[in-house]
């Protein structure tokens, strides 16, 4: 993936949030949805690719 620093940090933050949400679900503290971890990861990857497609800095990097 070719991302600028800004998009890379945003992707990392979203990945961390997704990981914490799944950790809370595994610990049975908060049941927020009923999807598997890989579905969440695929959604996150799709969102990040769409976002980097519209980012001017990411387009310059390619």
Protein backbone atom coordinates (compact mmCIF):
# COMPACT_ATOMS: atom_id res chain seq x y z
CA UNK A 1 0.00 0.00 0.00
CA UNK A 2 1.28 3.42 -0.93
CA UNK A 3 0.13 5.84 1.74
CA UNK A 4 1.31 9.18 2.93
CA UNK A 5 2.20 9.66 6.57
CA UNK A 6 -1.19 11.20 7.39
CA UNK A 7 -3.17 8.30 5.89
CA UNK A 8 -0.83 5.76 7.47
CA UNK A 9 -1.41 7.24 10.92
CA UNK A 10 -5.17 7.32 10.35
CA UNK A 11 -5.12 3.67 9.23
CA UNK A 12 -3.10 2.72 12.31
CA UNK A 13 -5.52 4.55 14.59
CA UNK A 14 -8.54 2.84 13.02
CA UNK A 15 -6.80 -0.53 13.28
CA UNK A 16 -6.10 0.10 16.96
CA UNK A 17 -9.73 1.06 17.61
CA UNK A 18 -10.95 -2.04 15.78
CA UNK A 19 -8.56 -4.20 17.81
CA UNK A 20 -9.73 -2.72 21.11
CA UNK A 21 -13.38 -3.25 20.14
CA UNK A 22 -12.73 -6.91 19.34
CA UNK A 23 -10.77 -7.30 22.58
CA UNK A 24 -13.73 -5.92 24.53
CA UNK A 25 -15.99 -8.36 22.70
CA UNK A 26 -13.67 -11.31 23.47
CA UNK A 27 -13.59 -10.36 27.15
CA UNK A 28 -17.40 -10.20 27.10
CA UNK A 29 -17.39 -6.63 28.36
CA UNK A 30 -19.22 -5.15 25.40
CA UNK A 31 -21.07 -7.02 22.64
CA UNK A 32 -21.32 -4.42 19.89
CA UNK A 33 -21.86 -6.51 16.78
CA UNK A 34 -21.76 -10.06 15.57
CA UNK A 35 -19.11 -10.03 12.81
CA UNK A 36 -15.80 -11.86 12.66
CA UNK A 37 -12.45 -10.11 12.93
CA UNK A 38 -11.51 -10.68 9.30
CA UNK A 39 -14.71 -9.00 8.09
CA UNK A 40 -13.78 -5.95 10.15
CA UNK A 41 -10.27 -6.03 8.71
CA UNK A 42 -11.54 -6.25 5.12
CA UNK A 43 -13.88 -3.32 5.75
CA UNK A 44 -10.99 -1.32 7.21
CA UNK A 45 -8.75 -2.12 4.24
CA UNK A 46 -11.48 -1.09 1.81
CA UNK A 47 -12.07 2.19 3.62
CA UNK A 48 -8.34 2.93 3.70
CA UNK A 49 -7.92 2.27 -0.03
CA UNK A 50 -10.86 4.50 -0.88
CA UNK A 51 -9.52 7.22 1.42
CA UNK A 52 -6.00 7.09 0.01
CA UNK A 53 -7.45 7.24 -3.50
CA UNK A 54 -8.84 10.69 -2.73
CA UNK A 55 -5.79 11.95 -0.80
CA UNK A 56 -3.59 14.34 -2.80
CA UNK A 57 -0.44 13.40 -0.88
CA UNK A 58 -0.99 9.69 -1.54
CA UNK A 59 -1.47 10.37 -5.25
CA UNK A 60 1.84 12.24 -5.34
CA UNK A 61 3.57 9.31 -3.66
CA UNK A 62 2.41 6.87 -6.36
